[in-house]
Amino acid sequence: MPTVNRAIKYRIHPSEEQMTQLLQTFGCVRKVFNAAIELQEGLYAAKMGSMSKMDLNNHVNRVMKEDAPYLKEVDKFALTNAVYHVAAGYKNFFEGRAKHPRFKSRKDSKQSYTTNWTNGNIKVIPPEKKGTVRGKVKLPKLGLVDAVIHRVPPEDWVIKSATVSMNNSGQYFVSVLFAYEQEPTPYIPMPNKGRAIGLDYSSPDFYVDSDGNDAGVPHFYRTMEAKLAREQRRLSKMTKGSNNYAKQKIKVDKLHRKIANQRKDFCHKLSRKIANSYDAVCVEDIDLRAMSRSLNLGKSTMDNGFGMFRVFLQYKLERQGKYFVVVDRWFPSSKTCNHCGYINRELQLSDRVWVCPHCGEVILRDPNAAENILEKGLGMLYDLLVPLPIA
């Protein structure tokens, strides 16, 4: 039976003593991580190849811990995983899957470390009283930490690791990775058109679907933009490093965090609604980052979180044995008349309504594109699922 990995993220409330230990661990992990990058860069510059993750870990244990004894005071798995992440980062970089590893800074918006389960050193303890979420999480070097246990893992889920993090608002979280055995969800048969939908990305509306409806997305950043700008102006007038600067920076960070949380919550709820309502969803493989740069749509594109929404939608569909179909980005969905198939090569981005020169149909750009994406996606799905007749 296949093994499935799934993580649950909990908010934790460490004591003052535990916070001190966490901050020390973040600092030690940062030091080891940066030292590993510096070591690898030196070897590459000298054309001496590189060190394996085991060699890097041995360097930490045999050299760095002797030079800096305080490294022995923190979770050893946190340091081991730090050098493993460096080794993996370089591997992904050289294979073209990631950017070059960069040094960590204490000023980064997020501090984190990963530790491994062994001999029951990580444990999720549910609330004692029913109807409450106040439980605890057991972590190495920290012991029992107060936590919001909003989801209790099933008993057959086995803990593999835990990643402890702190955001720029001073909030602490732990993401516990579980493994469990599960039979693969069987995919449903070829869905009919009534149980499928096409989504065409729209910068102002999030998307327009093949039924002509838009998502009705609240523009969270735009809504908070004036307030955020006001708080940022106040911050810019304060002396960097002062107590007032630190307090004001927390206010600004909280506003950013609120916007991000609102956007994420919206994407989760909308993707769940669509995944439960349809058996197949067809979308276009658009490059949102390139679009935000080239079309002067940076704020609108980054505000709506459509890329995050696609990720959520895909895994929610696949967990139910449903289909997430990605249509090639060069498919002319907007320029093709859905009624006769004519391709209007002269169509501009500003043309929101156009008349087909071939059949005379008056076409609304976005619903037309969504219908074309749906039909193209269903065609791809049909070719994949329906076997060719035997001659």
Protein backbone atom coordinates (compact mmCIF):
# COMPACT_ATOMS: atom_id res chain seq x y z
CA MET A 1 0.00 0.00 0.00
CA PRO A 2 1.47 3.41 -0.95
CA THR A 3 2.67 5.77 1.76
CA VAL A 4 1.25 9.30 1.80
CA ASN A 5 2.94 12.28 3.48
CA ARG A 6 0.83 15.10 4.86
CA ALA A 7 1.66 18.04 7.11
CA ILE A 8 -0.50 19.83 9.67
CA LYS A 9 0.54 23.31 10.79
CA TYR A 10 -0.23 24.35 14.37
CA ARG A 11 0.11 27.72 16.09
CA ILE A 12 2.25 27.35 19.21
CA HIS A 13 2.62 29.62 22.25
CA PRO A 14 6.04 29.01 23.80
CA SER A 15 6.96 30.28 27.26
CA GLU A 16 9.66 32.92 27.73
CA GLU A 17 12.24 30.21 28.41
CA GLN A 18 11.15 28.24 25.35
CA MET A 19 11.28 31.37 23.18
CA THR A 20 14.87 31.96 24.28
CA GLN A 21 15.72 28.39 23.27
CA LEU A 22 13.96 28.84 19.91
CA LEU A 23 15.78 32.08 19.12
CA GLN A 24 19.08 30.42 20.01
CA THR A 25 18.26 27.51 17.70
CA PHE A 26 17.30 29.83 14.84
CA GLY A 27 20.63 31.63 15.25
CA CYS A 28 22.69 28.42 15.35
CA VAL A 29 20.89 27.02 12.31
CA ARG A 30 21.56 30.28 10.47
CA LYS A 31 25.26 30.11 11.37
CA VAL A 32 25.63 26.49 10.24
CA PHE A 33 23.63 27.06 7.05
CA ASN A 34 25.72 30.09 6.05
CA ALA A 35 28.98 28.32 6.94
CA ALA A 36 27.99 25.38 4.72
CA ILE A 37 27.28 27.72 1.78
CA GLU A 38 30.59 29.54 2.33
CA LEU A 39 32.43 26.22 2.42
CA GLN A 40 30.80 24.99 -0.79
CA GLU A 41 31.46 28.28 -2.56
CA GLY A 42 35.12 28.13 -1.57
CA LEU A 43 35.47 24.62 -2.96
CA TYR A 44 33.74 25.59 -6.22
CA ALA A 45 35.95 28.67 -6.58
CA ALA A 46 39.07 26.52 -6.10
CA LYS A 47 37.68 24.01 -8.60
CA MET A 48 37.80 21.29 -5.95
CA GLY A 49 34.26 20.03 -6.47
CA SER A 50 31.94 20.01 -3.46
CA MET A 51 31.26 18.26 -0.17
CA SER A 52 28.49 15.71 0.23
CA LYS A 53 25.81 16.27 2.84
CA MET A 54 27.47 13.67 5.07
CA ASP A 55 30.84 15.44 4.79
CA LEU A 56 29.19 18.76 5.60
CA ASN A 57 27.50 17.25 8.64
CA ASN A 58 30.80 15.76 9.82
CA HIS A 59 32.41 19.19 9.46
CA VAL A 60 29.72 20.66 11.71
CA ASN A 61 30.11 17.95 14.36
CA ARG A 62 33.92 17.69 14.35
CA VAL A 63 35.03 21.23 13.59
CA MET A 64 32.30 23.82 14.12
CA LYS A 65 31.03 22.43 17.42
CA GLU A 66 34.57 22.45 18.79
CA ASP A 67 35.13 26.04 17.69
CA ALA A 68 31.67 27.18 18.87
CA PRO A 69 30.58 25.00 21.85
CA TYR A 70 27.19 26.73 22.06
CA LEU A 71 26.17 24.76 18.95
CA LYS A 72 26.01 21.70 21.23
CA GLU A 73 23.23 23.32 23.27
CA VAL A 74 20.60 23.22 20.52
CA ASP A 75 18.75 20.40 18.77
CA LYS A 76 21.34 18.39 16.80
CA PHE A 77 18.79 17.43 14.14
CA ALA A 78 18.17 21.13 13.42
CA LEU A 79 21.84 21.59 12.52
CA THR A 80 21.97 18.37 10.51
CA ASN A 81 18.93 19.37 8.47
CA ALA A 82 20.43 22.82 7.87
CA VAL A 83 23.46 21.36 6.04
CA TYR A 84 21.24 18.80 4.29
CA HIS A 85 19.14 21.70 2.96
CA VAL A 86 22.30 23.38 1.65
CA ALA A 87 23.36 20.21 -0.16
CA ALA A 88 19.86 19.79 -1.61
CA GLY A 89 19.80 23.46 -2.61
CA TYR A 90 22.97 23.14 -4.66
CA LYS A 91 21.76 19.91 -6.25
CA ASN A 92 18.51 21.58 -7.30
CA PHE A 93 20.42 24.63 -8.54
CA PHE A 94 22.77 22.64 -10.76
CA GLU A 95 19.87 20.60 -12.13
CA GLY A 96 17.96 23.78 -13.04
CA ARG A 97 15.12 23.37 -10.54
CA ALA A 98 15.94 26.26 -8.22
CA LYS A 99 17.88 29.48 -7.84
CA HIS A 100 21.35 29.64 -6.31
CA PRO A 101 21.27 29.08 -2.51
CA ARG A 102 21.54 32.36 -0.63
CA PHE A 103 22.76 33.20 2.85
CA LYS A 104 20.23 33.46 5.67
CA SER A 105 19.88 36.67 7.67
CA ARG A 106 18.44 37.46 11.08
CA LYS A 107 16.41 40.11 9.24
CA ASP A 108 14.63 37.54 7.05
CA SER A 109 10.84 37.67 7.35
CA LYS A 110 10.78 34.05 8.50
CA GLN A 111 13.10 32.05 10.77
CA SER A 112 12.80 28.26 10.90
CA TYR A 113 14.44 24.93 11.55
CA THR A 114 13.50 21.29 10.96
CA THR A 115 13.92 18.45 13.45
CA ASN A 116 13.38 14.71 13.08
CA TRP A 117 11.28 12.24 15.05
CA THR A 118 13.11 9.63 17.09
CA ASN A 119 12.11 7.73 20.23
CA GLY A 120 8.94 9.77 20.74
CA ASN A 121 10.68 13.17 20.90
CA ILE A 122 7.88 14.77 18.83
CA LYS A 123 4.27 14.33 19.83
CA VAL A 124 0.92 16.04 19.23
CA ILE A 125 -1.19 16.03 22.40
CA PRO A 126 -4.90 16.78 21.82
CA PRO A 127 -6.93 19.03 24.15
CA GLU A 128 -8.08 17.36 27.36
CA LYS A 129 -11.55 18.91 27.17
CA LYS A 130 -13.91 18.36 24.26
CA GLY A 131 -14.89 21.45 22.31
CA THR A 132 -11.58 23.21 22.95
CA VAL A 133 -8.42 23.48 20.86
CA ARG A 134 -5.88 24.13 23.61
CA GLY A 135 -3.46 21.23 23.47
CA LYS A 136 0.29 20.75 23.44
CA VAL A 137 3.10 19.73 21.11
CA LYS A 138 6.18 17.97 22.41
CA LEU A 139 9.42 19.09 20.72
CA PRO A 140 13.12 18.24 21.25
CA LYS A 141 14.94 20.57 23.70
CA LEU A 142 11.66 22.40 24.37
CA GLY A 143 9.47 19.79 26.00
CA LEU A 144 5.73 20.45 26.02
CA VAL A 145 4.70 23.64 24.21
CA ASP A 146 1.19 25.12 24.36
CA ALA A 147 -0.47 24.78 20.96
CA VAL A 148 -3.75 25.30 19.13
CA ILE A 149 -4.65 21.75 18.07
CA HIS A 150 -7.35 22.55 15.52
CA ARG A 151 -6.96 19.15 13.85
CA VAL A 152 -6.18 15.90 15.66
CA PRO A 153 -4.23 13.43 13.48
CA PRO A 154 -5.62 9.87 13.20
CA GLU A 155 -3.90 7.28 15.37
CA ASP A 156 -2.35 5.46 12.40
CA TRP A 157 -0.51 8.57 11.23
CA VAL A 158 3.23 8.34 12.03
CA ILE A 159 5.25 11.49 12.76
CA LYS A 160 8.31 11.94 10.52
CA SER A 161 9.56 15.44 11.31
CA ALA A 162 8.57 18.90 12.51
CA THR A 163 9.46 22.36 11.20
CA VAL A 164 9.33 25.17 13.76
CA SER A 165 9.03 28.71 12.41
CA MET A 166 8.61 32.31 13.52
CA ASN A 167 7.15 34.98 11.24
CA ASN A 168 7.98 38.68 11.19
CA SER A 169 5.12 39.40 13.60
CA GLY A 170 6.69 37.22 16.29
CA GLN A 171 4.17 34.40 15.92
CA TYR A 172 5.39 30.81 16.28
CA PHE A 173 4.21 27.75 14.37
CA VAL A 174 5.11 24.09 14.03
CA SER A 175 4.38 22.08 10.88
CA VAL A 176 4.30 18.38 11.75
CA LEU A 177 4.89 15.97 8.87
CA PHE A 178 2.99 12.67 9.08
CA ALA A 179 3.17 9.50 6.99
CA TYR A 180 0.36 6.98 6.57
CA GLU A 181 -0.66 4.21 4.24
CA GLN A 182 -3.57 4.78 1.88
CA GLU A 183 -4.93 3.09 -1.18
CA PRO A 184 -4.76 5.40 -4.22
CA THR A 185 -8.05 7.19 -4.88
CA PRO A 186 -9.49 5.74 -8.09
CA TYR A 187 -10.12 8.36 -10.76
CA ILE A 188 -13.69 8.81 -11.91
CA PRO A 189 -14.66 7.87 -15.51
CA MET A 190 -14.55 10.44 -18.29
CA PRO A 191 -16.66 13.38 -16.99
CA ASN A 192 -19.34 14.91 -19.19
CA LYS A 193 -19.35 18.60 -20.05
CA GLY A 194 -21.98 19.39 -17.43
CA ARG A 195 -19.60 18.26 -14.67
CA ALA A 196 -16.61 20.18 -16.02
CA ILE A 197 -15.67 23.84 -16.05
CA GLY A 198 -13.07 26.03 -17.76
CA LEU A 199 -11.39 28.95 -15.98
CA ASP A 200 -9.80 31.86 -17.84
CA TYR A 201 -7.50 34.02 -15.73
CA SER A 202 -8.65 37.61 -15.33
CA SER A 203 -6.52 40.18 -13.52
CA PRO A 204 -9.43 42.24 -12.15
CA ASP A 205 -11.89 39.35 -11.63
CA PHE A 206 -9.50 36.51 -10.62
CA TYR A 207 -11.09 34.31 -13.28
CA VAL A 208 -14.08 34.11 -15.60
CA ASP A 209 -15.53 30.62 -16.00
CA SER A 210 -17.08 28.91 -19.01
CA ASP A 211 -20.56 29.72 -17.68
CA GLY A 212 -19.75 33.44 -17.81
CA ASN A 213 -19.36 33.92 -14.04
CA ASP A 214 -16.45 35.63 -12.33
CA ALA A 215 -14.99 34.70 -8.94
CA GLY A 216 -16.03 37.89 -7.17
CA VAL A 217 -12.62 38.14 -5.53
CA PRO A 218 -12.20 40.76 -2.80
CA HIS A 219 -9.03 42.70 -3.59
CA PHE A 220 -7.48 42.42 -0.15
CA TYR A 221 -4.32 44.42 -0.84
CA ARG A 222 -6.19 47.20 -2.64
CA THR A 223 -8.66 47.41 0.26
CA MET A 224 -5.87 47.80 2.82
CA GLU A 225 -3.49 49.78 0.59
CA ALA A 226 -4.27 53.23 2.03
CA LYS A 227 -3.98 52.05 5.63
CA LEU A 228 -0.77 50.16 4.86
CA ALA A 229 0.74 53.20 3.14
CA ARG A 230 -0.14 55.37 6.14
CA GLU A 231 1.56 53.01 8.59
CA GLN A 232 4.60 52.68 6.30
CA ARG A 233 4.94 56.48 6.14
CA ARG A 234 4.95 56.61 9.94
CA LEU A 235 7.62 53.91 10.00
CA SER A 236 9.81 55.80 7.51
CA LYS A 237 9.88 58.86 9.80
CA MET A 238 11.14 56.91 12.83
CA THR A 239 14.74 56.23 13.84
CA LYS A 240 15.78 52.77 12.76
CA GLY A 241 16.71 50.64 15.77
CA SER A 242 14.58 52.61 18.25
CA ASN A 243 11.78 51.09 20.33
CA ASN A 244 9.17 53.11 18.46
CA TYR A 245 10.55 51.85 15.15
CA ALA A 246 10.31 48.25 16.36
CA LYS A 247 6.71 48.74 17.53
CA GLN A 248 5.66 50.42 14.29
CA LYS A 249 7.35 47.73 12.20
CA ILE A 250 5.26 45.11 14.01
CA LYS A 251 2.13 47.05 13.00
CA VAL A 252 3.20 47.09 9.35
CA ASP A 253 4.10 43.40 9.43
CA LYS A 254 0.72 42.54 10.97
CA LEU A 255 -1.08 44.33 8.14
CA HIS A 256 0.92 42.37 5.57
CA ARG A 257 0.17 39.17 7.47
CA LYS A 258 -3.56 39.97 7.59
CA ILE A 259 -3.68 40.56 3.83
CA ALA A 260 -1.83 37.30 3.15
CA ASN A 261 -4.09 35.33 5.50
CA GLN A 262 -7.26 36.77 3.94
CA ARG A 263 -6.02 35.90 0.46
CA LYS A 264 -5.06 32.36 1.49
CA ASP A 265 -8.40 31.79 3.23
CA PHE A 266 -10.31 32.96 0.15
CA CYS A 267 -8.29 30.66 -2.13
CA HIS A 268 -8.86 27.67 0.16
CA LYS A 269 -12.62 28.19 0.37
CA LEU A 270 -13.12 28.88 -3.34
CA SER A 271 -10.97 25.91 -4.41
CA ARG A 272 -12.89 23.64 -2.04
CA LYS A 273 -16.22 24.83 -3.47
CA ILE A 274 -15.12 24.19 -7.06
CA ALA A 275 -13.48 20.84 -6.27
CA ASN A 276 -16.70 19.62 -4.66
CA SER A 277 -18.90 20.90 -7.51
CA TYR A 278 -17.06 19.63 -10.60
CA ASP A 279 -15.32 16.46 -11.78
CA ALA A 280 -12.86 18.25 -14.09
CA VAL A 281 -11.43 21.77 -14.10
CA CYS A 282 -9.51 23.10 -17.10
CA VAL A 283 -7.13 26.06 -16.74
CA GLU A 284 -4.52 27.75 -18.90
CA ASP A 285 -0.80 27.34 -18.15
CA ILE A 286 -0.08 31.05 -17.78
CA ASP A 287 3.14 32.56 -16.42
CA LEU A 288 1.80 34.92 -13.76
CA ARG A 289 5.20 36.29 -12.80
CA ALA A 290 6.05 37.23 -16.38
CA MET A 291 2.57 38.69 -16.86
CA SER A 292 2.94 40.92 -13.79
CA ARG A 293 6.22 42.31 -15.16
CA SER A 294 5.35 42.75 -18.83
CA LEU A 295 1.80 44.08 -18.70
CA ASN A 296 2.11 46.56 -15.80
CA LEU A 297 -0.28 44.43 -13.79
CA GLY A 298 2.07 43.72 -10.89
CA LYS A 299 -0.15 44.77 -8.01
CA SER A 300 -3.34 43.27 -9.44
CA THR A 301 -1.68 39.97 -10.36
CA MET A 302 0.16 39.51 -7.08
CA ASP A 303 -2.86 40.68 -5.07
CA ASN A 304 -5.33 38.04 -6.24
CA GLY A 305 -3.24 34.91 -5.51
CA PHE A 306 -4.36 32.96 -8.58
CA GLY A 307 -1.17 30.86 -8.56
CA MET A 308 -1.86 29.76 -4.99
CA PHE A 309 -5.46 29.03 -5.92
CA ARG A 310 -4.36 26.70 -8.76
CA VAL A 311 -2.13 24.71 -6.37
CA PHE A 312 -4.96 24.34 -3.85
CA LEU A 313 -7.46 23.39 -6.53
CA GLN A 314 -5.21 20.75 -8.08
CA TYR A 315 -4.55 18.78 -4.91
CA LYS A 316 -8.17 19.02 -3.75
CA LEU A 317 -9.40 17.63 -7.06
CA GLU A 318 -6.81 14.86 -7.21
CA ARG A 319 -7.54 13.72 -3.66
CA GLN A 320 -11.11 13.06 -4.81
CA GLY A 321 -10.07 11.23 -7.97
CA LYS A 322 -11.03 14.21 -10.13
CA TYR A 323 -9.16 15.95 -12.93
CA PHE A 324 -7.12 19.15 -13.09
CA VAL A 325 -6.30 19.77 -16.76
CA VAL A 326 -3.69 22.34 -17.81
CA VAL A 327 -4.00 23.70 -21.36
CA ASP A 328 -0.88 24.90 -23.18
CA ARG A 329 -0.23 28.62 -22.65
CA TRP A 330 0.19 29.19 -26.41
CA PHE A 331 -3.28 27.87 -27.19
CA PRO A 332 -5.15 30.93 -28.65
CA SER A 333 -8.11 30.71 -26.27
CA SER A 334 -8.96 34.43 -26.42
CA LYS A 335 -8.50 34.78 -30.19
CA THR A 336 -10.56 31.73 -31.22
CA CYS A 337 -14.28 32.13 -31.88
CA ASN A 338 -16.05 29.45 -29.85
CA HIS A 339 -18.92 29.34 -32.36
CA CYS A 340 -17.07 28.75 -35.66
CA GLY A 341 -13.42 28.22 -34.72
CA TYR A 342 -12.09 31.29 -36.56
CA ILE A 343 -8.81 32.63 -35.08
CA ASN A 344 -8.66 36.43 -34.93
CA ARG A 345 -4.92 37.16 -35.17
CA GLU A 346 -5.50 40.92 -34.92
CA LEU A 347 -7.16 40.81 -31.49
CA GLN A 348 -5.54 43.11 -28.89
CA LEU A 349 -5.57 42.83 -25.10
CA SER A 350 -7.74 45.94 -24.90
CA ASP A 351 -10.44 44.32 -27.06
CA ARG A 352 -12.88 43.01 -24.44
CA VAL A 353 -15.74 42.56 -26.94
CA TRP A 354 -15.26 41.69 -30.60
CA VAL A 355 -17.26 40.58 -33.61
CA CYS A 356 -16.14 37.43 -35.41
CA PRO A 357 -15.28 38.37 -39.03
CA HIS A 358 -16.26 34.88 -40.17
CA CYS A 359 -19.65 34.19 -38.55
CA GLY A 360 -20.61 37.65 -37.20
CA GLU A 361 -21.01 36.45 -33.61
CA VAL A 362 -20.58 39.13 -30.92
CA ILE A 363 -18.03 37.69 -28.51
CA LEU A 364 -17.22 38.55 -24.90
CA ARG A 365 -13.49 37.95 -24.62
CA ASP A 366 -13.17 36.22 -21.21
CA PRO A 367 -16.22 33.88 -21.29
CA ASN A 368 -15.27 32.91 -24.85
CA ALA A 369 -11.71 32.08 -23.74
CA ALA A 370 -13.02 30.02 -20.80
CA GLU A 371 -15.29 28.01 -23.11
CA ASN A 372 -12.36 27.33 -25.44
CA ILE A 373 -10.18 26.26 -22.51
CA LEU A 374 -12.92 23.88 -21.36
CA GLU A 375 -13.33 22.28 -24.78
CA LYS A 376 -9.58 22.00 -25.31
CA GLY A 377 -9.10 20.49 -21.85
CA LEU A 378 -11.91 17.96 -22.29
CA GLY A 379 -10.40 16.98 -25.63
CA MET A 380 -7.05 16.35 -23.95
CA LEU A 381 -8.77 14.34 -21.24
CA TYR A 382 -10.73 12.30 -23.80
CA ASP A 383 -7.53 11.42 -25.67
CA LEU A 384 -6.00 10.27 -22.40
CA LEU A 385 -8.92 8.26 -20.99
CA VAL A 386 -10.82 6.88 -23.97
CA PRO A 387 -8.94 4.09 -25.81
CA LEU A 388 -8.78 4.11 -29.59
CA PRO A 389 -11.07 1.55 -31.29
CA ILE A 390 -9.38 -1.67 -32.36
CA ALA A 391 -9.29 -1.94 -36.17
